[in-house]
Amino acid sequence: MGEDDSGPVGGPVSAGESLDERVLARSEDLMRSVEVVAALVLVVLFAIGVFDLGLQIFRTALSGTITDPLVVVGFIDTALLLFIIVEVYQTVVAYTRESQTRRIVRLVIYTGVIAMVRKAIIFRTGEYADEQAALLAAGAYALIIFGLAALLVVERRTRETDEATPAPSPEDS
């Protein structure tokens, strides 16, 4: 019995694809379909959010409370939440289109930055049990924001370095 006679457990490999390859191909198709459904769900959530924001603005304009700073902060909070939905959507689309990992990481960083800016804008010390808890939360938010900003700077510098480096020519191989 030669080396060519031994196949994977479960039988020999046919001239076409192996069972494992067919199963994996089907699972990849299923995963891509689920990713597309997730993207569509995010589109629907975004549309509902935009409609809701417009309705909120209309109602507060009619009631005269549109000049209340807390109401305006609520609008900004909703708008930033919508931006987060857009960033998550773009991340899902990037996964579906099998974009470069760097692009996906950049989208995740942007999503994190928007989420943390949103948290900072709506931060109210009165929502915490005491001043120490509020200070701890504010410090954690600041640490996360600085960490994300550092990641963004590193990613941009890496991208600029990569863009400045000439691509190897076929003759260099």
N, C-alpha and C. Protein backbone atom coordinates (compact mmCIF):
# COMPACT_ATOMS: atom_id res chain seq x y z
N MET A 1 0.84 -1.17 0.00
CA MET A 1 0.00 0.00 0.00
C MET A 1 0.89 1.23 0.00
N GLY A 2 0.80 2.07 -1.03
CA GLY A 2 1.64 3.25 -1.15
C GLY A 2 1.05 4.44 -0.44
N GLU A 3 1.79 5.55 -0.44
CA GLU A 3 1.34 6.77 0.22
C GLU A 3 0.08 7.32 -0.45
N ASP A 4 -0.08 7.12 -1.74
CA ASP A 4 -1.24 7.65 -2.45
C ASP A 4 -2.53 6.98 -2.04
N ASP A 5 -2.45 5.74 -1.48
CA ASP A 5 -3.66 5.01 -1.12
C ASP A 5 -4.27 5.49 0.19
N SER A 6 -3.49 6.18 1.01
CA SER A 6 -4.03 6.61 2.31
C SER A 6 -4.74 7.94 2.13
N GLY A 7 -5.96 8.01 2.59
CA GLY A 7 -6.76 9.22 2.49
C GLY A 7 -7.20 9.66 3.86
N PRO A 8 -8.03 10.66 3.93
CA PRO A 8 -8.51 11.11 5.23
C PRO A 8 -9.42 10.07 5.86
N VAL A 9 -9.60 10.20 7.15
CA VAL A 9 -10.51 9.30 7.86
C VAL A 9 -11.87 9.44 7.21
N GLY A 10 -12.53 8.36 6.95
CA GLY A 10 -13.84 8.44 6.31
C GLY A 10 -13.78 8.03 4.86
N GLY A 11 -12.62 7.77 4.35
CA GLY A 11 -12.54 7.29 2.98
C GLY A 11 -11.59 8.09 2.14
N PRO A 12 -11.39 7.63 0.94
CA PRO A 12 -10.45 8.31 0.05
C PRO A 12 -11.03 9.62 -0.48
N VAL A 13 -10.13 10.50 -0.88
CA VAL A 13 -10.53 11.78 -1.46
C VAL A 13 -10.88 11.54 -2.92
N SER A 14 -12.03 12.05 -3.34
CA SER A 14 -12.43 11.89 -4.74
C SER A 14 -11.63 12.85 -5.61
N ALA A 15 -11.81 12.70 -6.89
CA ALA A 15 -11.10 13.55 -7.83
C ALA A 15 -11.52 15.00 -7.66
N GLY A 16 -12.74 15.23 -7.20
CA GLY A 16 -13.25 16.59 -6.98
C GLY A 16 -12.83 17.09 -5.60
N GLU A 17 -13.80 17.54 -4.86
CA GLU A 17 -13.54 18.06 -3.52
C GLU A 17 -13.75 16.97 -2.48
N SER A 18 -13.07 17.14 -1.34
CA SER A 18 -13.30 16.23 -0.23
C SER A 18 -14.57 16.66 0.49
N LEU A 19 -15.09 15.78 1.32
CA LEU A 19 -16.28 16.08 2.11
C LEU A 19 -16.03 17.29 3.00
N ASP A 20 -14.85 17.33 3.62
CA ASP A 20 -14.51 18.46 4.49
C ASP A 20 -14.55 19.77 3.72
N GLU A 21 -13.99 19.77 2.52
CA GLU A 21 -13.97 20.99 1.72
C GLU A 21 -15.38 21.43 1.34
N ARG A 22 -16.24 20.47 1.01
CA ARG A 22 -17.63 20.81 0.66
C ARG A 22 -18.37 21.37 1.87
N VAL A 23 -18.18 20.74 3.04
CA VAL A 23 -18.85 21.21 4.26
C VAL A 23 -18.36 22.61 4.61
N LEU A 24 -17.05 22.81 4.52
CA LEU A 24 -16.51 24.13 4.83
C LEU A 24 -17.01 25.19 3.85
N ALA A 25 -17.10 24.84 2.58
CA ALA A 25 -17.61 25.78 1.59
C ALA A 25 -19.06 26.16 1.90
N ARG A 26 -19.86 25.17 2.26
CA ARG A 26 -21.26 25.45 2.61
C ARG A 26 -21.35 26.29 3.89
N SER A 27 -20.49 26.01 4.86
CA SER A 27 -20.52 26.80 6.10
C SER A 27 -20.09 28.24 5.84
N GLU A 28 -19.13 28.44 4.94
CA GLU A 28 -18.73 29.80 4.57
C GLU A 28 -19.87 30.53 3.88
N ASP A 29 -20.59 29.84 3.01
CA ASP A 29 -21.75 30.45 2.35
C ASP A 29 -22.81 30.82 3.38
N LEU A 30 -23.06 29.94 4.34
CA LEU A 30 -24.03 30.21 5.39
C LEU A 30 -23.60 31.41 6.23
N MET A 31 -22.31 31.44 6.58
CA MET A 31 -21.80 32.57 7.38
C MET A 31 -21.96 33.88 6.62
N ARG A 32 -21.65 33.88 5.34
CA ARG A 32 -21.80 35.09 4.53
C ARG A 32 -23.27 35.52 4.48
N SER A 33 -24.19 34.56 4.37
CA SER A 33 -25.62 34.88 4.37
C SER A 33 -26.04 35.49 5.69
N VAL A 34 -25.56 34.95 6.79
CA VAL A 34 -25.89 35.50 8.11
C VAL A 34 -25.31 36.91 8.25
N GLU A 35 -24.10 37.13 7.74
CA GLU A 35 -23.51 38.47 7.77
C GLU A 35 -24.36 39.46 6.99
N VAL A 36 -24.87 39.05 5.85
CA VAL A 36 -25.73 39.93 5.04
C VAL A 36 -27.02 40.24 5.79
N VAL A 37 -27.60 39.24 6.45
CA VAL A 37 -28.81 39.47 7.25
C VAL A 37 -28.51 40.44 8.38
N ALA A 38 -27.36 40.28 9.04
CA ALA A 38 -26.97 41.20 10.11
C ALA A 38 -26.84 42.62 9.58
N ALA A 39 -26.26 42.77 8.40
CA ALA A 39 -26.13 44.10 7.79
C ALA A 39 -27.50 44.70 7.51
N LEU A 40 -28.42 43.88 7.01
CA LEU A 40 -29.78 44.37 6.75
C LEU A 40 -30.49 44.78 8.03
N VAL A 41 -30.30 44.02 9.10
CA VAL A 41 -30.88 44.38 10.40
C VAL A 41 -30.34 45.73 10.86
N LEU A 42 -29.05 45.95 10.68
CA LEU A 42 -28.46 47.24 11.06
C LEU A 42 -29.02 48.38 10.23
N VAL A 43 -29.27 48.13 8.95
CA VAL A 43 -29.87 49.17 8.09
C VAL A 43 -31.26 49.52 8.61
N VAL A 44 -32.04 48.51 8.97
CA VAL A 44 -33.38 48.75 9.50
C VAL A 44 -33.30 49.52 10.81
N LEU A 45 -32.38 49.12 11.71
CA LEU A 45 -32.21 49.83 12.98
C LEU A 45 -31.81 51.28 12.75
N PHE A 46 -30.93 51.51 11.79
CA PHE A 46 -30.52 52.87 11.48
C PHE A 46 -31.70 53.70 10.98
N ALA A 47 -32.48 53.12 10.08
CA ALA A 47 -33.65 53.84 9.54
C ALA A 47 -34.64 54.18 10.65
N ILE A 48 -34.90 53.22 11.53
CA ILE A 48 -35.81 53.46 12.66
C ILE A 48 -35.24 54.56 13.55
N GLY A 49 -33.93 54.51 13.81
CA GLY A 49 -33.29 55.52 14.65
C GLY A 49 -33.36 56.91 14.06
N VAL A 50 -33.14 57.03 12.76
CA VAL A 50 -33.23 58.33 12.10
C VAL A 50 -34.66 58.86 12.18
N PHE A 51 -35.64 58.00 11.93
CA PHE A 51 -37.04 58.40 12.04
C PHE A 51 -37.35 58.85 13.46
N ASP A 52 -36.90 58.07 14.45
CA ASP A 52 -37.15 58.41 15.85
C ASP A 52 -36.50 59.73 16.23
N LEU A 53 -35.28 59.97 15.78
CA LEU A 53 -34.61 61.24 16.07
C LEU A 53 -35.38 62.41 15.47
N GLY A 54 -35.81 62.25 14.24
CA GLY A 54 -36.61 63.30 13.61
C GLY A 54 -37.90 63.56 14.38
N LEU A 55 -38.54 62.48 14.84
CA LEU A 55 -39.77 62.61 15.62
C LEU A 55 -39.50 63.31 16.96
N GLN A 56 -38.40 62.96 17.60
CA GLN A 56 -38.03 63.62 18.87
C GLN A 56 -37.82 65.12 18.66
N ILE A 57 -37.09 65.46 17.63
CA ILE A 57 -36.84 66.88 17.34
C ILE A 57 -38.14 67.61 17.06
N PHE A 58 -39.01 66.99 16.26
CA PHE A 58 -40.29 67.61 15.93
C PHE A 58 -41.13 67.83 17.19
N ARG A 59 -41.23 66.82 18.05
CA ARG A 59 -42.03 66.93 19.28
C ARG A 59 -41.48 67.99 20.22
N THR A 60 -40.16 68.04 20.38
CA THR A 60 -39.60 69.04 21.29
C THR A 60 -39.70 70.45 20.71
N ALA A 61 -39.68 70.55 19.39
CA ALA A 61 -39.87 71.86 18.76
C ALA A 61 -41.29 72.35 19.01
N LEU A 62 -42.27 71.43 18.90
CA LEU A 62 -43.66 71.80 19.16
C LEU A 62 -43.91 72.17 20.62
N SER A 63 -43.26 71.43 21.52
CA SER A 63 -43.48 71.68 22.94
C SER A 63 -42.67 72.86 23.46
N GLY A 64 -41.68 73.32 22.69
CA GLY A 64 -40.85 74.45 23.11
C GLY A 64 -39.66 74.08 23.96
N THR A 65 -39.45 72.79 24.20
CA THR A 65 -38.32 72.36 25.04
C THR A 65 -37.06 72.10 24.22
N ILE A 66 -37.07 72.45 22.97
CA ILE A 66 -35.93 72.17 22.10
C ILE A 66 -34.69 72.96 22.52
N THR A 67 -34.86 74.03 23.29
CA THR A 67 -33.71 74.83 23.73
C THR A 67 -33.14 74.33 25.05
N ASP A 68 -33.76 73.34 25.66
CA ASP A 68 -33.26 72.78 26.92
C ASP A 68 -31.96 72.03 26.64
N PRO A 69 -30.88 72.39 27.34
CA PRO A 69 -29.59 71.72 27.08
C PRO A 69 -29.64 70.20 27.25
N LEU A 70 -30.40 69.70 28.21
CA LEU A 70 -30.49 68.25 28.39
C LEU A 70 -31.18 67.59 27.21
N VAL A 71 -32.14 68.27 26.61
CA VAL A 71 -32.82 67.73 25.43
C VAL A 71 -31.84 67.69 24.25
N VAL A 72 -31.05 68.73 24.10
CA VAL A 72 -30.07 68.77 23.02
C VAL A 72 -29.02 67.67 23.21
N VAL A 73 -28.59 67.46 24.47
CA VAL A 73 -27.65 66.37 24.76
C VAL A 73 -28.28 65.03 24.39
N GLY A 74 -29.58 64.89 24.64
CA GLY A 74 -30.29 63.67 24.24
C GLY A 74 -30.26 63.47 22.73
N PHE A 75 -30.42 64.56 21.98
CA PHE A 75 -30.34 64.47 20.51
C PHE A 75 -28.94 64.02 20.08
N ILE A 76 -27.93 64.63 20.69
CA ILE A 76 -26.55 64.28 20.35
C ILE A 76 -26.29 62.82 20.70
N ASP A 77 -26.80 62.37 21.85
CA ASP A 77 -26.65 60.98 22.25
C ASP A 77 -27.26 60.04 21.21
N THR A 78 -28.46 60.36 20.77
CA THR A 78 -29.12 59.54 19.75
C THR A 78 -28.35 59.55 18.43
N ALA A 79 -27.88 60.74 18.03
CA ALA A 79 -27.13 60.85 16.77
C ALA A 79 -25.84 60.04 16.84
N LEU A 80 -25.14 60.10 17.97
CA LEU A 80 -23.91 59.32 18.10
C LEU A 80 -24.20 57.83 18.12
N LEU A 81 -25.31 57.43 18.71
CA LEU A 81 -25.71 56.03 18.66
C LEU A 81 -25.95 55.59 17.21
N LEU A 82 -26.54 56.47 16.42
CA LEU A 82 -26.74 56.17 15.00
C LEU A 82 -25.40 56.03 14.27
N PHE A 83 -24.42 56.88 14.62
CA PHE A 83 -23.10 56.75 14.02
C PHE A 83 -22.45 55.42 14.40
N ILE A 84 -22.68 54.97 15.64
CA ILE A 84 -22.15 53.68 16.06
C ILE A 84 -22.77 52.57 15.21
N ILE A 85 -24.07 52.66 14.96
CA ILE A 85 -24.74 51.66 14.12
C ILE A 85 -24.12 51.66 12.72
N VAL A 86 -23.83 52.86 12.19
CA VAL A 86 -23.21 52.95 10.86
C VAL A 86 -21.83 52.29 10.88
N GLU A 87 -21.05 52.54 11.91
CA GLU A 87 -19.71 51.94 11.99
C GLU A 87 -19.79 50.43 12.12
N VAL A 88 -20.72 49.93 12.91
CA VAL A 88 -20.88 48.48 13.05
C VAL A 88 -21.32 47.89 11.71
N TYR A 89 -22.22 48.58 11.03
CA TYR A 89 -22.65 48.14 9.69
C TYR A 89 -21.45 48.04 8.75
N GLN A 90 -20.62 49.10 8.74
CA GLN A 90 -19.46 49.09 7.86
C GLN A 90 -18.49 47.96 8.22
N THR A 91 -18.40 47.64 9.51
CA THR A 91 -17.55 46.53 9.94
C THR A 91 -18.10 45.21 9.41
N VAL A 92 -19.41 45.03 9.51
CA VAL A 92 -20.03 43.80 9.00
C VAL A 92 -19.83 43.69 7.49
N VAL A 93 -20.00 44.79 6.79
CA VAL A 93 -19.80 44.79 5.34
C VAL A 93 -18.35 44.46 5.00
N ALA A 94 -17.42 45.03 5.77
CA ALA A 94 -16.00 44.74 5.53
C ALA A 94 -15.71 43.26 5.73
N TYR A 95 -16.28 42.67 6.77
CA TYR A 95 -16.12 41.22 6.97
C TYR A 95 -16.70 40.45 5.80
N THR A 96 -17.90 40.84 5.37
CA THR A 96 -18.58 40.14 4.28
C THR A 96 -17.76 40.22 2.99
N ARG A 97 -17.19 41.37 2.75
CA ARG A 97 -16.40 41.55 1.52
C ARG A 97 -14.96 41.08 1.70
N GLU A 98 -14.68 40.53 2.87
CA GLU A 98 -13.34 40.04 3.18
C GLU A 98 -12.29 41.11 2.96
N SER A 99 -12.55 42.30 3.52
CA SER A 99 -11.60 43.40 3.42
C SER A 99 -10.34 43.09 4.22
N GLN A 100 -9.37 43.95 4.06
CA GLN A 100 -8.13 43.80 4.80
C GLN A 100 -8.40 43.91 6.30
N THR A 101 -7.66 43.15 7.07
CA THR A 101 -7.80 43.17 8.52
C THR A 101 -7.58 44.56 9.06
N ARG A 102 -6.64 45.29 8.49
CA ARG A 102 -6.35 46.64 8.97
C ARG A 102 -7.57 47.55 8.84
N ARG A 103 -8.31 47.43 7.75
CA ARG A 103 -9.50 48.25 7.57
C ARG A 103 -10.55 47.91 8.62
N ILE A 104 -10.70 46.63 8.90
CA ILE A 104 -11.68 46.19 9.90
C ILE A 104 -11.28 46.71 11.28
N VAL A 105 -10.00 46.62 11.60
CA VAL A 105 -9.52 47.11 12.90
C VAL A 105 -9.76 48.61 13.00
N ARG A 106 -9.49 49.34 11.93
CA ARG A 106 -9.71 50.78 11.93
C ARG A 106 -11.19 51.09 12.19
N LEU A 107 -12.09 50.36 11.55
CA LEU A 107 -13.52 50.57 11.77
C LEU A 107 -13.90 50.29 13.23
N VAL A 108 -13.33 49.25 13.80
CA VAL A 108 -13.61 48.93 15.20
C VAL A 108 -13.10 50.04 16.11
N ILE A 109 -11.92 50.58 15.81
CA ILE A 109 -11.39 51.69 16.61
C ILE A 109 -12.29 52.90 16.50
N TYR A 110 -12.72 53.24 15.29
CA TYR A 110 -13.63 54.37 15.11
C TYR A 110 -14.92 54.17 15.90
N THR A 111 -15.45 52.96 15.86
CA THR A 111 -16.67 52.66 16.61
C THR A 111 -16.43 52.88 18.10
N GLY A 112 -15.30 52.42 18.59
CA GLY A 112 -14.98 52.62 20.00
C GLY A 112 -14.83 54.08 20.36
N VAL A 113 -14.18 54.84 19.50
CA VAL A 113 -14.01 56.28 19.77
C VAL A 113 -15.38 56.96 19.83
N ILE A 114 -16.23 56.67 18.87
CA ILE A 114 -17.56 57.29 18.86
C ILE A 114 -18.34 56.89 20.11
N ALA A 115 -18.26 55.61 20.48
CA ALA A 115 -18.99 55.14 21.67
C ALA A 115 -18.49 55.84 22.93
N MET A 116 -17.19 56.01 23.04
CA MET A 116 -16.65 56.64 24.25
C MET A 116 -16.91 58.14 24.26
N VAL A 117 -16.87 58.79 23.13
CA VAL A 117 -17.23 60.21 23.07
C VAL A 117 -18.69 60.37 23.47
N ARG A 118 -19.53 59.45 23.01
CA ARG A 118 -20.95 59.46 23.40
C ARG A 118 -21.07 59.35 24.91
N LYS A 119 -20.34 58.41 25.51
CA LYS A 119 -20.37 58.25 26.96
C LYS A 119 -19.91 59.52 27.67
N ALA A 120 -18.87 60.16 27.15
CA ALA A 120 -18.37 61.38 27.77
C ALA A 120 -19.38 62.52 27.68
N ILE A 121 -20.08 62.61 26.56
CA ILE A 121 -21.05 63.68 26.38
C ILE A 121 -22.23 63.51 27.32
N ILE A 122 -22.70 62.29 27.51
CA ILE A 122 -23.89 62.08 28.35
C ILE A 122 -23.53 61.79 29.81
N PHE A 123 -22.24 61.88 30.16
CA PHE A 123 -21.79 61.59 31.52
C PHE A 123 -22.40 62.58 32.51
N ARG A 124 -23.02 62.06 33.52
CA ARG A 124 -23.63 62.87 34.59
C ARG A 124 -23.19 62.27 35.92
N THR A 125 -22.55 63.10 36.76
CA THR A 125 -22.07 62.60 38.05
C THR A 125 -23.21 62.19 38.96
N GLY A 126 -24.38 62.77 38.78
CA GLY A 126 -25.53 62.45 39.62
C GLY A 126 -26.05 61.03 39.44
N GLU A 127 -25.62 60.35 38.39
CA GLU A 127 -26.06 58.99 38.13
C GLU A 127 -25.28 57.95 38.93
N TYR A 128 -24.30 58.40 39.70
CA TYR A 128 -23.45 57.49 40.46
C TYR A 128 -23.75 57.62 41.95
N ALA A 129 -23.45 56.56 42.69
CA ALA A 129 -23.76 56.51 44.12
C ALA A 129 -23.04 57.60 44.91
N ASP A 130 -21.80 57.87 44.56
CA ASP A 130 -21.05 58.91 45.25
C ASP A 130 -20.01 59.50 44.30
N GLU A 131 -19.29 60.51 44.79
CA GLU A 131 -18.31 61.19 43.95
C GLU A 131 -17.16 60.27 43.55
N GLN A 132 -16.78 59.37 44.45
CA GLN A 132 -15.68 58.45 44.14
C GLN A 132 -16.05 57.52 42.98
N ALA A 133 -17.29 57.03 42.96
CA ALA A 133 -17.74 56.16 41.87
C ALA A 133 -17.77 56.94 40.56
N ALA A 134 -18.22 58.20 40.61
CA ALA A 134 -18.25 59.04 39.40
C ALA A 134 -16.84 59.32 38.90
N LEU A 135 -15.92 59.58 39.83
CA LEU A 135 -14.53 59.84 39.46
C LEU A 135 -13.88 58.59 38.86
N LEU A 136 -14.17 57.44 39.43
CA LEU A 136 -13.63 56.19 38.90
C LEU A 136 -14.15 55.94 37.48
N ALA A 137 -15.45 56.16 37.26
CA ALA A 137 -16.04 55.98 35.93
C ALA A 137 -15.43 56.97 34.93
N ALA A 138 -15.28 58.23 35.34
CA ALA A 138 -14.70 59.24 34.46
C ALA A 138 -13.25 58.88 34.11
N GLY A 139 -12.51 58.40 35.08
CA GLY A 139 -11.13 57.98 34.84
C GLY A 139 -11.05 56.80 33.87
N ALA A 140 -11.96 55.84 34.05
CA ALA A 140 -11.99 54.68 33.15
C ALA A 140 -12.34 55.12 31.73
N TYR A 141 -13.32 56.02 31.60
CA TYR A 141 -13.68 56.52 30.27
C TYR A 141 -12.49 57.22 29.63
N ALA A 142 -11.81 58.06 30.40
CA ALA A 142 -10.66 58.80 29.88
C ALA A 142 -9.55 57.83 29.44
N LEU A 143 -9.30 56.82 30.26
CA LEU A 143 -8.27 55.83 29.92
C LEU A 143 -8.61 55.11 28.62
N ILE A 144 -9.87 54.72 28.46
CA ILE A 144 -10.29 54.04 27.23
C ILE A 144 -10.17 54.97 26.03
N ILE A 145 -10.58 56.22 26.18
CA ILE A 145 -10.49 57.19 25.08
C ILE A 145 -9.03 57.41 24.69
N PHE A 146 -8.14 57.58 25.67
CA PHE A 146 -6.72 57.77 25.35
C PHE A 146 -6.13 56.52 24.69
N GLY A 147 -6.53 55.35 25.17
CA GLY A 147 -6.07 54.10 24.56
C GLY A 147 -6.50 53.99 23.11
N LEU A 148 -7.77 54.30 22.85
CA LEU A 148 -8.27 54.25 21.48
C LEU A 148 -7.59 55.29 20.59
N ALA A 149 -7.37 56.48 21.16
CA ALA A 149 -6.68 57.52 20.40
C ALA A 149 -5.25 57.08 20.07
N ALA A 150 -4.58 56.44 21.01
CA ALA A 150 -3.22 55.94 20.76
C ALA A 150 -3.25 54.88 19.66
N LEU A 151 -4.22 53.96 19.71
CA LEU A 151 -4.35 52.95 18.66
C LEU A 151 -4.57 53.60 17.30
N LEU A 152 -5.39 54.63 17.27
CA LEU A 152 -5.68 55.32 16.02
C LEU A 152 -4.41 55.99 15.47
N VAL A 153 -3.63 56.62 16.34
CA VAL A 153 -2.38 57.26 15.91
C VAL A 153 -1.41 56.20 15.37
N VAL A 154 -1.26 55.10 16.08
CA VAL A 154 -0.36 54.02 15.64
C VAL A 154 -0.82 53.47 14.29
N GLU A 155 -2.13 53.26 14.14
CA GLU A 155 -2.66 52.72 12.88
C GLU A 155 -2.39 53.69 11.73
N ARG A 156 -2.61 54.97 11.95
CA ARG A 156 -2.38 55.96 10.89
C ARG A 156 -0.91 56.06 10.52
N ARG A 157 -0.05 56.04 11.52
CA ARG A 157 1.40 56.11 11.22
C ARG A 157 1.86 54.87 10.47
N THR A 158 1.32 53.72 10.85
CA THR A 158 1.66 52.48 10.15
C THR A 158 1.18 52.54 8.72
N ARG A 159 -0.02 53.06 8.52
CA ARG A 159 -0.57 53.16 7.16
C ARG A 159 0.26 54.12 6.33
N GLU A 160 0.64 55.28 6.91
CA GLU A 160 1.46 56.24 6.18
C GLU A 160 2.81 55.65 5.82
N THR A 161 3.40 54.89 6.74
CA THR A 161 4.68 54.23 6.47
C THR A 161 4.53 53.22 5.34
N ASP A 162 3.45 52.44 5.39
CA ASP A 162 3.21 51.44 4.34
C ASP A 162 2.99 52.09 2.98
N GLU A 163 2.27 53.23 2.97
CA GLU A 163 2.00 53.92 1.71
C GLU A 163 3.27 54.55 1.15
N ALA A 164 4.19 54.97 2.02
CA ALA A 164 5.44 55.59 1.57
C ALA A 164 6.44 54.57 1.06
N THR A 165 6.28 53.32 1.51
CA THR A 165 7.19 52.25 1.08
C THR A 165 6.75 51.75 -0.29
N PRO A 166 7.66 51.79 -1.28
CA PRO A 166 7.25 51.33 -2.63
C PRO A 166 6.99 49.82 -2.62
N ALA A 167 6.02 49.44 -3.39
CA ALA A 167 5.67 48.02 -3.51
C ALA A 167 6.78 47.32 -4.27
N PRO A 168 7.10 46.08 -3.87
CA PRO A 168 8.17 45.36 -4.59
C PRO A 168 7.72 45.04 -6.01
N SER A 169 8.65 45.17 -6.92
CA SER A 169 8.35 44.88 -8.31
C SER A 169 8.54 43.39 -8.55
N PRO A 170 7.94 42.86 -9.61
CA PRO A 170 8.09 41.43 -9.92
C PRO A 170 9.55 41.05 -10.16
N GLU A 171 10.36 42.02 -10.56
CA GLU A 171 11.76 41.74 -10.82
C GLU A 171 12.54 41.47 -9.54
N ASP A 172 12.00 41.98 -8.37
CA ASP A 172 12.67 41.78 -7.10
C ASP A 172 12.52 40.37 -6.58
N SER A 173 11.63 39.58 -7.12
CA SER A 173 11.37 38.23 -6.61
C SER A 173 12.47 37.28 -6.93
